[in-house]
PDB file of N, CA and C in Angstrom:
ATOM      1  N   GLN A   1     -15.121 -14.960   7.553  1.00  0.00           N
ATOM      2  CA  GLN A   1     -14.895 -16.008   6.560  1.00  0.00           C
ATOM      3  C   GLN A   1     -15.143 -15.445   5.163  1.00  0.00           C
ATOM      4  N   VAL A   2     -14.169 -15.652   4.287  1.00  0.00           N
ATOM      5  CA  VAL A   2     -14.282 -15.157   2.924  1.00  0.00           C
ATOM      6  C   VAL A   2     -15.066 -16.152   2.075  1.00  0.00           C
ATOM      7  N   GLN A   3     -16.004 -15.621   1.316  1.00  0.00           N
ATOM      8  CA  GLN A   3     -16.747 -16.462   0.376  1.00  0.00           C
ATOM      9  C   GLN A   3     -16.934 -15.715  -0.937  1.00  0.00           C
ATOM     10  N   LEU A   4     -16.658 -16.398  -2.024  1.00  0.00           N
ATOM     11  CA  LEU A   4     -16.994 -15.934  -3.362  1.00  0.00           C
ATOM     12  C   LEU A   4     -17.900 -17.009  -3.953  1.00  0.00           C
ATOM     13  N   VAL A   5     -19.144 -16.650  -4.209  1.00  0.00           N
ATOM     14  CA  VAL A   5     -20.127 -17.637  -4.636  1.00  0.00           C
ATOM     15  C   VAL A   5     -20.633 -17.287  -6.027  1.00  0.00           C
ATOM     16  N   GLU A   6     -20.267 -18.128  -6.995  1.00  0.00           N
ATOM     17  CA  GLU A   6     -20.708 -17.928  -8.375  1.00  0.00           C
ATOM     18  C   GLU A   6     -22.080 -18.546  -8.601  1.00  0.00           C
ATOM     19  N   SER A   7     -22.817 -17.966  -9.523  1.00  0.00           N
ATOM     20  CA  SER A   7     -24.104 -18.513  -9.936  1.00  0.00           C
ATOM     21  C   SER A   7     -24.387 -18.070 -11.360  1.00  0.00           C
ATOM     22  N   GLY A   8     -25.392 -18.693 -11.956  1.00  0.00           N
ATOM     23  CA  GLY A   8     -25.814 -18.301 -13.293  1.00  0.00           C
ATOM     24  C   GLY A   8     -25.319 -19.180 -14.412  1.00  0.00           C
ATOM     25  N   GLY A   9     -24.492 -20.156 -14.102  1.00  0.00           N
ATOM     26  CA  GLY A   9     -24.014 -21.048 -15.145  1.00  0.00           C
ATOM     27  C   GLY A   9     -25.112 -21.987 -15.624  1.00  0.00           C
ATOM     28  N   GLY A  10     -24.807 -22.710 -16.687  1.00  0.00           N
ATOM     29  CA  GLY A  10     -25.776 -23.654 -17.220  1.00  0.00           C
ATOM     30  C   GLY A  10     -25.514 -23.934 -18.676  1.00  0.00           C
ATOM     31  N   LEU A  11     -26.536 -24.408 -19.356  1.00  0.00           N
ATOM     32  CA  LEU A  11     -26.445 -24.742 -20.771  1.00  0.00           C
ATOM     33  C   LEU A  11     -27.026 -23.601 -21.593  1.00  0.00           C
ATOM     34  N   VAL A  12     -26.286 -23.171 -22.599  1.00  0.00           N
ATOM     35  CA  VAL A  12     -26.752 -22.093 -23.470  1.00  0.00           C
ATOM     36  C   VAL A  12     -26.381 -22.451 -24.897  1.00  0.00           C
ATOM     37  N   GLN A  13     -27.204 -22.016 -25.819  1.00  0.00           N
ATOM     38  CA  GLN A  13     -26.930 -22.282 -27.233  1.00  0.00           C
ATOM     39  C   GLN A  13     -26.077 -21.169 -27.825  1.00  0.00           C
ATOM     40  N   THR A  14     -25.335 -21.530 -28.839  1.00  0.00           N
ATOM     41  CA  THR A  14     -24.575 -20.535 -29.588  1.00  0.00           C
ATOM     42  C   THR A  14     -25.498 -19.409 -30.032  1.00  0.00           C
ATOM     43  N   GLY A  15     -25.042 -18.173 -29.806  1.00  0.00           N
ATOM     44  CA  GLY A  15     -25.863 -17.033 -30.183  1.00  0.00           C
ATOM     45  C   GLY A  15     -26.788 -16.558 -29.092  1.00  0.00           C
ATOM     46  N   GLY A  16     -26.877 -17.314 -28.011  1.00  0.00           N
ATOM     47  CA  GLY A  16     -27.713 -16.899 -26.893  1.00  0.00           C
ATOM     48  C   GLY A  16     -26.968 -15.967 -25.966  1.00  0.00           C
ATOM     49  N   SER A  17     -27.384 -15.934 -24.704  1.00  0.00           N
ATOM     50  CA  SER A  17     -26.688 -15.122 -23.719  1.00  0.00           C
ATOM     51  C   SER A  17     -26.844 -15.744 -22.340  1.00  0.00           C
ATOM     52  N   LEU A  18     -25.911 -15.369 -21.479  1.00  0.00           N
ATOM     53  CA  LEU A  18     -25.896 -15.889 -20.120  1.00  0.00           C
ATOM     54  C   LEU A  18     -25.227 -14.846 -19.248  1.00  0.00           C
ATOM     55  N   ARG A  19     -25.692 -14.690 -18.029  1.00  0.00           N
ATOM     56  CA  ARG A  19     -25.041 -13.775 -17.100  1.00  0.00           C
ATOM     57  C   ARG A  19     -24.613 -14.515 -15.854  1.00  0.00           C
ATOM     58  N   LEU A  20     -23.331 -14.462 -15.586  1.00  0.00           N
ATOM     59  CA  LEU A  20     -22.794 -15.041 -14.371  1.00  0.00           C
ATOM     60  C   LEU A  20     -22.710 -13.975 -13.291  1.00  0.00           C
ATOM     61  N   SER A  21     -22.928 -14.404 -12.056  1.00  0.00           N
ATOM     62  CA  SER A  21     -22.802 -13.503 -10.906  1.00  0.00           C
ATOM     63  C   SER A  21     -21.843 -14.109  -9.903  1.00  0.00           C
ATOM     64  N   CYS A  22     -21.182 -13.241  -9.170  1.00  0.00           N
ATOM     65  CA  CYS A  22     -20.293 -13.680  -8.092  1.00  0.00           C
ATOM     66  C   CYS A  22     -20.539 -12.772  -6.896  1.00  0.00           C
ATOM     67  N   ALA A  23     -21.121 -13.343  -5.856  1.00  0.00           N
ATOM     68  CA  ALA A  23     -21.405 -12.587  -4.637  1.00  0.00           C
ATOM     69  C   ALA A  23     -20.268 -12.796  -3.645  1.00  0.00           C
ATOM     70  N   ALA A  24     -19.694 -11.695  -3.207  1.00  0.00           N
ATOM     71  CA  ALA A  24     -18.552 -11.755  -2.297  1.00  0.00           C
ATOM     72  C   ALA A  24     -18.948 -11.365  -0.882  1.00  0.00           C
ATOM     73  N   SER A  25     -18.338 -12.030   0.074  1.00  0.00           N
ATOM     74  CA  SER A  25     -18.523 -11.670   1.473  1.00  0.00           C
ATOM     75  C   SER A  25     -17.210 -11.909   2.206  1.00  0.00           C
ATOM     76  N   GLY A  26     -17.008 -11.140   3.281  1.00  0.00           N
ATOM     77  CA  GLY A  26     -15.805 -11.308   4.069  1.00  0.00           C
ATOM     78  C   GLY A  26     -14.582 -10.594   3.539  1.00  0.00           C
ATOM     79  N   ILE A  27     -14.756  -9.822   2.465  1.00  0.00           N
ATOM     80  CA  ILE A  27     -13.636  -9.044   1.914  1.00  0.00           C
ATOM     81  C   ILE A  27     -14.075  -7.596   1.743  1.00  0.00           C
ATOM     82  N   ALA A  28     -13.088  -6.715   1.661  1.00  0.00           N
ATOM     83  CA  ALA A  28     -13.381  -5.305   1.378  1.00  0.00           C
ATOM     84  C   ALA A  28     -13.590  -5.182  -0.129  1.00  0.00           C
ATOM     85  N   PHE A  29     -14.805  -5.411  -0.548  1.00  0.00           N
ATOM     86  CA  PHE A  29     -15.084  -5.547  -1.981  1.00  0.00           C
ATOM     87  C   PHE A  29     -14.738  -4.286  -2.762  1.00  0.00           C
ATOM     88  N   SER A  30     -15.031  -3.133  -2.199  1.00  0.00           N
ATOM     89  CA  SER A  30     -14.865  -1.886  -2.954  1.00  0.00           C
ATOM     90  C   SER A  30     -13.408  -1.596  -3.291  1.00  0.00           C
ATOM     91  N   ILE A  31     -12.455  -2.192  -2.591  1.00  0.00           N
ATOM     92  CA  ILE A  31     -11.039  -1.967  -2.901  1.00  0.00           C
ATOM     93  C   ILE A  31     -10.412  -3.207  -3.545  1.00  0.00           C
ATOM     94  N   SER A  32     -11.257  -4.112  -3.989  1.00  0.00           N
ATOM     95  CA  SER A  32     -10.779  -5.359  -4.586  1.00  0.00           C
ATOM     96  C   SER A  32     -10.882  -5.305  -6.103  1.00  0.00           C
ATOM     97  N   THR A  33      -9.778  -5.649  -6.767  1.00  0.00           N
ATOM     98  CA  THR A  33      -9.835  -5.903  -8.204  1.00  0.00           C
ATOM     99  C   THR A  33     -10.367  -7.312  -8.385  1.00  0.00           C
ATOM    100  N   MET A  34     -11.391  -7.454  -9.180  1.00  0.00           N
ATOM    101  CA  MET A  34     -12.064  -8.739  -9.345  1.00  0.00           C
ATOM    102  C   MET A  34     -11.879  -9.255 -10.768  1.00  0.00           C
ATOM    103  N   GLY A  35     -11.928 -10.565 -10.890  1.00  0.00           N
ATOM    104  CA  GLY A  35     -11.761 -11.152 -12.211  1.00  0.00           C
ATOM    105  C   GLY A  35     -12.555 -12.429 -12.382  1.00  0.00           C
ATOM    106  N   TRP A  36     -12.772 -12.756 -13.644  1.00  0.00           N
ATOM    107  CA  TRP A  36     -13.339 -14.047 -14.019  1.00  0.00           C
ATOM    108  C   TRP A  36     -12.272 -14.833 -14.771  1.00  0.00           C
ATOM    109  N   TYR A  37     -12.132 -16.094 -14.396  1.00  0.00           N
ATOM    110  CA  TYR A  37     -11.243 -17.029 -15.063  1.00  0.00           C
ATOM    111  C   TYR A  37     -12.083 -18.211 -15.535  1.00  0.00           C
ATOM    112  N   ARG A  38     -11.493 -19.021 -16.395  1.00  0.00           N
ATOM    113  CA  ARG A  38     -12.190 -20.240 -16.811  1.00  0.00           C
ATOM    114  C   ARG A  38     -11.188 -21.353 -17.050  1.00  0.00           C
ATOM    115  N   GLN A  39     -11.696 -22.574 -16.909  1.00  0.00           N
ATOM    116  CA  GLN A  39     -10.862 -23.742 -17.162  1.00  0.00           C
ATOM    117  C   GLN A  39     -11.672 -24.791 -17.886  1.00  0.00           C
ATOM    118  N   ALA A  40     -11.239 -25.103 -19.089  1.00  0.00           N
ATOM    119  CA  ALA A  40     -11.868 -26.146 -19.888  1.00  0.00           C
ATOM    120  C   ALA A  40     -11.184 -27.480 -19.592  1.00  0.00           C
ATOM    121  N   PRO A  41     -11.861 -28.593 -19.842  1.00  0.00           N
ATOM    122  CA  PRO A  41     -11.258 -29.902 -19.582  1.00  0.00           C
ATOM    123  C   PRO A  41      -9.929 -30.073 -20.299  1.00  0.00           C
ATOM    124  N   GLY A  42      -8.913 -30.491 -19.569  1.00  0.00           N
ATOM    125  CA  GLY A  42      -7.607 -30.728 -20.157  1.00  0.00           C
ATOM    126  C   GLY A  42      -6.791 -29.491 -20.445  1.00  0.00           C
ATOM    127  N   LYS A  43      -7.305 -28.327 -20.043  1.00  0.00           N
ATOM    128  CA  LYS A  43      -6.596 -27.077 -20.308  1.00  0.00           C
ATOM    129  C   LYS A  43      -6.284 -26.351 -19.014  1.00  0.00           C
ATOM    130  N   GLN A  44      -5.354 -25.408 -19.109  1.00  0.00           N
ATOM    131  CA  GLN A  44      -5.019 -24.605 -17.944  1.00  0.00           C
ATOM    132  C   GLN A  44      -6.076 -23.529 -17.707  1.00  0.00           C
ATOM    133  N   ARG A  45      -6.153 -23.094 -16.472  1.00  0.00           N
ATOM    134  CA  ARG A  45      -7.064 -21.993 -16.150  1.00  0.00           C
ATOM    135  C   ARG A  45      -6.553 -20.730 -16.840  1.00  0.00           C
ATOM    136  N   GLU A  46      -7.475 -19.958 -17.424  1.00  0.00           N
ATOM    137  CA  GLU A  46      -7.091 -18.749 -18.133  1.00  0.00           C
ATOM    138  C   GLU A  46      -7.946 -17.576 -17.697  1.00  0.00           C
ATOM    139  N   LEU A  47      -7.336 -16.399 -17.807  1.00  0.00           N
ATOM    140  CA  LEU A  47      -8.037 -15.177 -17.454  1.00  0.00           C
ATOM    141  C   LEU A  47      -9.050 -14.824 -18.544  1.00  0.00           C
ATOM    142  N   VAL A  48     -10.259 -14.462 -18.110  1.00  0.00           N
ATOM    143  CA  VAL A  48     -11.297 -14.042 -19.055  1.00  0.00           C
ATOM    144  C   VAL A  48     -11.443 -12.525 -19.039  1.00  0.00           C
ATOM    145  N   ALA A  49     -11.592 -11.955 -17.853  1.00  0.00           N
ATOM    146  CA  ALA A  49     -11.810 -10.509 -17.745  1.00  0.00           C
ATOM    147  C   ALA A  49     -11.530 -10.045 -16.329  1.00  0.00           C
ATOM    148  N   THR A  50     -11.152  -8.764 -16.218  1.00  0.00           N
ATOM    149  CA  THR A  50     -10.945  -8.164 -14.904  1.00  0.00           C
ATOM    150  C   THR A  50     -11.633  -6.803 -14.835  1.00  0.00           C
ATOM    151  N   VAL A  51     -11.954  -6.398 -13.618  1.00  0.00           N
ATOM    152  CA  VAL A  51     -12.510  -5.056 -13.392  1.00  0.00           C
ATOM    153  C   VAL A  51     -11.839  -4.495 -12.145  1.00  0.00           C
ATOM    154  N   THR A  52     -11.312  -3.286 -12.287  1.00  0.00           N
ATOM    155  CA  THR A  52     -10.596  -2.657 -11.175  1.00  0.00           C
ATOM    156  C   THR A  52     -11.570  -1.965 -10.232  1.00  0.00           C
ATOM    157  N   THR A  53     -11.026  -1.429  -9.155  1.00  0.00           N
ATOM    158  CA  THR A  53     -11.858  -0.715  -8.192  1.00  0.00           C
ATOM    159  C   THR A  53     -12.499   0.515  -8.828  1.00  0.00           C
ATOM    160  N   GLY A  54     -11.834   1.084  -9.815  1.00  0.00           N
ATOM    161  CA  GLY A  54     -12.365   2.264 -10.498  1.00  0.00           C
ATOM    162  C   GLY A  54     -13.249   1.937 -11.686  1.00  0.00           C
ATOM    163  N   GLY A  55     -13.453   0.651 -11.928  1.00  0.00           N
ATOM    164  CA  GLY A  55     -14.325   0.250 -13.023  1.00  0.00           C
ATOM    165  C   GLY A  55     -13.613  -0.006 -14.342  1.00  0.00           C
ATOM    166  N   GLY A  56     -12.288   0.114 -14.357  1.00  0.00           N
ATOM    167  CA  GLY A  56     -11.552  -0.198 -15.566  1.00  0.00           C
ATOM    168  C   GLY A  56     -11.612  -1.687 -15.871  1.00  0.00           C
ATOM    169  N   THR A  57     -11.719  -2.028 -17.147  1.00  0.00           N
ATOM    170  CA  THR A  57     -11.883  -3.431 -17.528  1.00  0.00           C
ATOM    171  C   THR A  57     -10.795  -3.880 -18.487  1.00  0.00           C
ATOM    172  N   ASN A  58     -10.576  -5.185 -18.483  1.00  0.00           N
ATOM    173  CA  ASN A  58      -9.607  -5.794 -19.377  1.00  0.00           C
ATOM    174  C   ASN A  58     -10.162  -7.160 -19.767  1.00  0.00           C
ATOM    175  N   TYR A  59      -9.938  -7.550 -21.037  1.00  0.00           N
ATOM    176  CA  TYR A  59     -10.518  -8.795 -21.537  1.00  0.00           C
ATOM    177  C   TYR A  59      -9.487  -9.625 -22.284  1.00  0.00           C
ATOM    178  N   ALA A  60      -9.690 -10.924 -22.242  1.00  0.00           N
ATOM    179  CA  ALA A  60      -8.933 -11.808 -23.115  1.00  0.00           C
ATOM    180  C   ALA A  60      -9.363 -11.531 -24.552  1.00  0.00           C
ATOM    181  N   GLU A  61      -8.435 -11.665 -25.479  1.00  0.00           N
ATOM    182  CA  GLU A  61      -8.748 -11.385 -26.884  1.00  0.00           C
ATOM    183  C   GLU A  61      -9.906 -12.246 -27.380  1.00  0.00           C
ATOM    184  N   SER A  62      -9.986 -13.457 -26.876  1.00  0.00           N
ATOM    185  CA  SER A  62     -10.988 -14.407 -27.370  1.00  0.00           C
ATOM    186  C   SER A  62     -12.415 -14.021 -27.001  1.00  0.00           C
ATOM    187  N   VAL A  63     -12.590 -13.129 -26.022  1.00  0.00           N
ATOM    188  CA  VAL A  63     -13.946 -12.764 -25.606  1.00  0.00           C
ATOM    189  C   VAL A  63     -14.269 -11.293 -25.839  1.00  0.00           C
ATOM    190  N   LYS A  64     -13.302 -10.529 -26.315  1.00  0.00           N
ATOM    191  CA  LYS A  64     -13.532  -9.097 -26.547  1.00  0.00           C
ATOM    192  C   LYS A  64     -14.692  -8.897 -27.494  1.00  0.00           C
ATOM    193  N   GLY A  65     -15.568  -7.981 -27.146  1.00  0.00           N
ATOM    194  CA  GLY A  65     -16.719  -7.672 -27.975  1.00  0.00           C
ATOM    195  C   GLY A  65     -17.912  -8.578 -27.730  1.00  0.00           C
ATOM    196  N   ARG A  66     -17.716  -9.643 -26.963  1.00  0.00           N
ATOM    197  CA  ARG A  66     -18.819 -10.583 -26.684  1.00  0.00           C
ATOM    198  C   ARG A  66     -19.171 -10.629 -25.197  1.00  0.00           C
ATOM    199  N   PHE A  67     -18.165 -10.542 -24.345  1.00  0.00           N
ATOM    200  CA  PHE A  67     -18.375 -10.620 -22.903  1.00  0.00           C
ATOM    201  C   PHE A  67     -18.180  -9.244 -22.278  1.00  0.00           C
ATOM    202  N   THR A  68     -18.921  -8.984 -21.209  1.00  0.00           N
ATOM    203  CA  THR A  68     -18.781  -7.730 -20.469  1.00  0.00           C
ATOM    204  C   THR A  68     -18.721  -8.021 -18.983  1.00  0.00           C
ATOM    205  N   ILE A  69     -17.678  -7.525 -18.338  1.00  0.00           N
ATOM    206  CA  ILE A  69     -17.561  -7.645 -16.886  1.00  0.00           C
ATOM    207  C   ILE A  69     -18.014  -6.336 -16.258  1.00  0.00           C
ATOM    208  N   SER A  70     -18.704  -6.446 -15.126  1.00  0.00           N
ATOM    209  CA  SER A  70     -19.141  -5.259 -14.409  1.00  0.00           C
ATOM    210  C   SER A  70     -19.211  -5.583 -12.923  1.00  0.00           C
ATOM    211  N   ARG A  71     -19.374  -4.540 -12.125  1.00  0.00           N
ATOM    212  CA  ARG A  71     -19.432  -4.740 -10.683  1.00  0.00           C
ATOM    213  C   ARG A  71     -20.462  -3.814 -10.065  1.00  0.00           C
ATOM    214  N   ASP A  72     -21.022  -4.262  -8.951  1.00  0.00           N
ATOM    215  CA  ASP A  72     -21.960  -3.453  -8.175  1.00  0.00           C
ATOM    216  C   ASP A  72     -21.428  -3.459  -6.743  1.00  0.00           C
ATOM    217  N   ASN A  73     -20.766  -2.378  -6.361  1.00  0.00           N
ATOM    218  CA  ASN A  73     -20.155  -2.332  -5.038  1.00  0.00           C
ATOM    219  C   ASN A  73     -21.199  -2.329  -3.920  1.00  0.00           C
ATOM    220  N   ALA A  74     -22.385  -1.829  -4.202  1.00  0.00           N
ATOM    221  CA  ALA A  74     -23.441  -1.823  -3.188  1.00  0.00           C
ATOM    222  C   ALA A  74     -23.912  -3.241  -2.868  1.00  0.00           C
ATOM    223  N   LYS A  75     -23.756  -4.133  -3.838  1.00  0.00           N
ATOM    224  CA  LYS A  75     -24.197  -5.521  -3.652  1.00  0.00           C
ATOM    225  C   LYS A  75     -23.026  -6.481  -3.477  1.00  0.00           C
ATOM    226  N   ASN A  76     -21.805  -5.953  -3.482  1.00  0.00           N
ATOM    227  CA  ASN A  76     -20.612  -6.807  -3.374  1.00  0.00           C
ATOM    228  C   ASN A  76     -20.645  -7.931  -4.410  1.00  0.00           C
ATOM    229  N   THR A  77     -20.994  -7.561  -5.619  1.00  0.00           N
ATOM    230  CA  THR A  77     -21.186  -8.563  -6.670  1.00  0.00           C
ATOM    231  C   THR A  77     -20.488  -8.135  -7.952  1.00  0.00           C
ATOM    232  N   VAL A  78     -19.886  -9.107  -8.606  1.00  0.00           N
ATOM    233  CA  VAL A  78     -19.288  -8.893  -9.927  1.00  0.00           C
ATOM    234  C   VAL A  78     -20.018  -9.804 -10.918  1.00  0.00           C
ATOM    235  N   TYR A  79     -20.190  -9.289 -12.126  1.00  0.00           N
ATOM    236  CA  TYR A  79     -20.965  -9.991 -13.144  1.00  0.00           C
ATOM    237  C   TYR A  79     -20.117 -10.260 -14.387  1.00  0.00           C
ATOM    238  N   LEU A  80     -20.530 -11.269 -15.130  1.00  0.00           N
ATOM    239  CA  LEU A  80     -19.967 -11.502 -16.454  1.00  0.00           C
ATOM    240  C   LEU A  80     -21.128 -11.761 -17.405  1.00  0.00           C
ATOM    241  N   GLN A  81     -21.395 -10.795 -18.263  1.00  0.00           N
ATOM    242  CA  GLN A  81     -22.420 -10.943 -19.283  1.00  0.00           C
ATOM    243  C   GLN A  81     -21.782 -11.605 -20.488  1.00  0.00           C
ATOM    244  N   MET A  82     -22.331 -12.764 -20.869  1.00  0.00           N
ATOM    245  CA  MET A  82     -21.782 -13.529 -21.975  1.00  0.00           C
ATOM    246  C   MET A  82     -22.782 -13.473 -23.125  1.00  0.00           C
ATOM    247  N   ASN A  83     -22.447 -12.749 -24.169  1.00  0.00           N
ATOM    248  CA  ASN A  83     -23.290 -12.664 -25.356  1.00  0.00           C
ATOM    249  C   ASN A  83     -22.635 -13.433 -26.503  1.00  0.00           C
ATOM    250  N   SER A  84     -23.464 -13.979 -27.345  1.00  0.00           N
ATOM    251  CA  SER A  84     -22.987 -14.760 -28.494  1.00  0.00           C
ATOM    252  C   SER A  84     -21.907 -15.765 -28.097  1.00  0.00           C
ATOM    253  N   PRO A  85     -22.151 -16.580 -27.108  1.00  0.00           N
ATOM    254  CA  PRO A  85     -21.139 -17.552 -26.712  1.00  0.00           C
ATOM    255  C   PRO A  85     -20.903 -18.581 -27.808  1.00  0.00           C
ATOM    256  N   LYS A  86     -19.720 -19.173 -27.769  1.00  0.00           N
ATOM    257  CA  LYS A  86     -19.327 -20.177 -28.734  1.00  0.00           C
ATOM    258  C   LYS A  86     -19.040 -21.490 -28.000  1.00  0.00           C
ATOM    259  N   PRO A  87     -19.064 -22.603 -28.700  1.00  0.00           N
ATOM    260  CA  PRO A  87     -18.749 -23.885 -28.029  1.00  0.00           C
ATOM    261  C   PRO A  87     -17.394 -23.857 -27.318  1.00  0.00           C
ATOM    262  N   GLU A  88     -16.439 -23.125 -27.853  1.00  0.00           N
ATOM    263  CA  GLU A  88     -15.117 -23.061 -27.218  1.00  0.00           C
ATOM    264  C   GLU A  88     -15.115 -22.252 -25.917  1.00  0.00           C
ATOM    265  N   ASP A  89     -16.237 -21.620 -25.583  1.00  0.00           N
ATOM    266  CA  ASP A  89     -16.364 -20.936 -24.296  1.00  0.00           C
ATOM    267  C   ASP A  89     -16.795 -21.899 -23.184  1.00  0.00           C
ATOM    268  N   THR A  90     -17.079 -23.131 -23.542  1.00  0.00           N
ATOM    269  CA  THR A  90     -17.470 -24.132 -22.551  1.00  0.00           C
ATOM    270  C   THR A  90     -16.334 -24.359 -21.558  1.00  0.00           C
ATOM    271  N   ALA A  91     -16.652 -24.207 -20.266  1.00  0.00           N
ATOM    272  CA  ALA A  91     -15.621 -24.313 -19.223  1.00  0.00           C
ATOM    273  C   ALA A  91     -16.289 -24.140 -17.863  1.00  0.00           C
ATOM    274  N   VAL A  92     -15.516 -24.378 -16.832  1.00  0.00           N
ATOM    275  CA  VAL A  92     -15.917 -23.964 -15.489  1.00  0.00           C
ATOM    276  C   VAL A  92     -15.393 -22.543 -15.295  1.00  0.00           C
ATOM    277  N   TYR A  93     -16.281 -21.648 -14.911  1.00  0.00           N
ATOM    278  CA  TYR A  93     -15.924 -20.240 -14.728  1.00  0.00           C
ATOM    279  C   TYR A  93     -15.765 -19.946 -13.237  1.00  0.00           C
ATOM    280  N   TYR A  94     -14.652 -19.300 -12.920  1.00  0.00           N
ATOM    281  CA  TYR A  94     -14.311 -18.982 -11.543  1.00  0.00           C
ATOM    282  C   TYR A  94     -14.212 -17.472 -11.337  1.00  0.00           C
ATOM    283  N   CYS A  95     -14.712 -17.044 -10.207  1.00  0.00           N
ATOM    284  CA  CYS A  95     -14.566 -15.665  -9.774  1.00  0.00           C
ATOM    285  C   CYS A  95     -13.343 -15.593  -8.860  1.00  0.00           C
ATOM    286  N   SER A  96     -12.637 -14.479  -8.911  1.00  0.00           N
ATOM    287  CA  SER A  96     -11.452 -14.350  -8.080  1.00  0.00           C
ATOM    288  C   SER A  96     -11.218 -12.910  -7.673  1.00  0.00           C
ATOM    289  N   ARG A  97     -10.720 -12.745  -6.455  1.00  0.00           N
ATOM    290  CA  ARG A  97     -10.178 -11.440  -6.093  1.00  0.00           C
ATOM    291  C   ARG A  97      -8.706 -11.478  -6.447  1.00  0.00           C
ATOM    292  N   ILE A  98      -8.250 -10.512  -7.208  1.00  0.00           N
ATOM    293  CA  ILE A  98      -6.923 -10.558  -7.795  1.00  0.00           C
ATOM    294  C   ILE A  98      -5.888  -9.823  -6.955  1.00  0.00           C
ATOM    295  N   ASN A  99      -6.230  -8.661  -6.437  1.00  0.00           N
ATOM    296  CA  ASN A  99      -5.242  -7.904  -5.669  1.00  0.00           C
ATOM    297  C   ASN A  99      -5.293  -8.308  -4.196  1.00  0.00           C
ATOM    298  N   LEU A 100      -4.359  -7.789  -3.428  1.00  0.00           N
ATOM    299  CA  LEU A 100      -4.295  -8.126  -1.995  1.00  0.00           C
ATOM    300  C   LEU A 100      -4.242  -9.651  -1.844  1.00  0.00           C
ATOM    301  N   GLN A 101      -4.953 -10.217  -0.953  1.00  0.00           N
ATOM    302  CA  GLN A 101      -5.004 -11.663  -0.775  1.00  0.00           C
ATOM    303  C   GLN A 101      -5.870 -12.291  -1.876  1.00  0.00           C
ATOM    304  N   ARG A 102      -5.305 -13.295  -2.563  1.00  0.00           N
ATOM    305  CA  ARG A 102      -6.053 -13.948  -3.642  1.00  0.00           C
ATOM    306  C   ARG A 102      -7.077 -14.908  -3.059  1.00  0.00           C
ATOM    307  N   TYR A 103      -8.296 -14.809  -3.580  1.00  0.00           N
ATOM    308  CA  TYR A 103      -9.358 -15.746  -3.219  1.00  0.00           C
ATOM    309  C   TYR A 103     -10.052 -16.236  -4.484  1.00  0.00           C
ATOM    310  N   TRP A 104     -10.612 -17.453  -4.381  1.00  0.00           N
ATOM    311  CA  TRP A 104     -11.312 -18.056  -5.508  1.00  0.00           C
ATOM    312  C   TRP A 104     -12.689 -18.544  -5.076  1.00  0.00           C
ATOM    313  N   GLY A 105     -13.624 -18.510  -6.023  1.00  0.00           N
ATOM    314  CA  GLY A 105     -14.894 -19.156  -5.808  1.00  0.00           C
ATOM    315  C   GLY A 105     -14.801 -20.627  -6.168  1.00  0.00           C
ATOM    316  N   GLN A 106     -15.934 -21.319  -6.040  1.00  0.00           N
ATOM    317  CA  GLN A 106     -15.943 -22.754  -6.293  1.00  0.00           C
ATOM    318  C   GLN A 106     -16.163 -23.081  -7.762  1.00  0.00           C
ATOM    319  N   GLY A 107     -16.578 -22.105  -8.537  1.00  0.00           N
ATOM    320  CA  GLY A 107     -16.766 -22.293  -9.966  1.00  0.00           C
ATOM    321  C   GLY A 107     -18.197 -22.624 -10.340  1.00  0.00           C
ATOM    322  N   THR A 108     -18.546 -22.266 -11.577  1.00  0.00           N
ATOM    323  CA  THR A 108     -19.855 -22.594 -12.121  1.00  0.00           C
ATOM    324  C   THR A 108     -19.663 -23.062 -13.559  1.00  0.00           C
ATOM    325  N   GLN A 109     -20.328 -24.151 -13.907  1.00  0.00           N
ATOM    326  CA  GLN A 109     -20.153 -24.758 -15.231  1.00  0.00           C
ATOM    327  C   GLN A 109     -20.970 -24.005 -16.275  1.00  0.00           C
ATOM    328  N   VAL A 110     -20.321 -23.683 -17.380  1.00  0.00           N
ATOM    329  CA  VAL A 110     -20.999 -23.113 -18.541  1.00  0.00           C
ATOM    330  C   VAL A 110     -20.762 -24.052 -19.716  1.00  0.00           C
ATOM    331  N   THR A 111     -21.852 -24.485 -20.340  1.00  0.00           N
ATOM    332  CA  THR A 111     -21.767 -25.362 -21.496  1.00  0.00           C
ATOM    333  C   THR A 111     -22.487 -24.700 -22.654  1.00  0.00           C
ATOM    334  N   VAL A 112     -21.775 -24.527 -23.758  1.00  0.00           N
ATOM    335  CA  VAL A 112     -22.336 -23.885 -24.942  1.00  0.00           C
ATOM    336  C   VAL A 112     -22.520 -24.941 -26.019  1.00  0.00           C
ATOM    337  N   SER A 113     -23.751 -25.083 -26.469  1.00  0.00           N
ATOM    338  CA  SER A 113     -24.038 -26.065 -27.511  1.00  0.00           C
ATOM    339  C   SER A 113     -24.223 -25.360 -28.844  1.00  0.00           C
ATOM    340  N   SER A 114     -23.806 -26.047 -29.902  1.00  0.00           N
ATOM    341  CA  SER A 114     -23.923 -25.457 -31.244  1.00  0.00           C
ATOM    342  C   SER A 114     -25.256 -25.816 -31.880  1.00  0.00           C
TER     343      SER A 114
END
């Protein structure tokens, strides 16, 4: 059974920091390209960041320089370090396996207050 379980969401103030985690099970994590997406109320889900099997990263322009995606293959976990978040970063954040069979986590709410 495939599971992607996000954690670490919550309320954070502008200028603070937050780290999201996504623990994967039931997939070959080391050969999986992983990503974080987000969906704000009334908006479409959008890509935030991706990390390839080789550690290559890609970011949405809106989070470049503030967010960092990383992975730990020994722990089957992908992270999203959110520094200096802004109110417009408020959304439900989802973890996803992008290549091969697509899978999604259940999401974790991040709320940024000014």
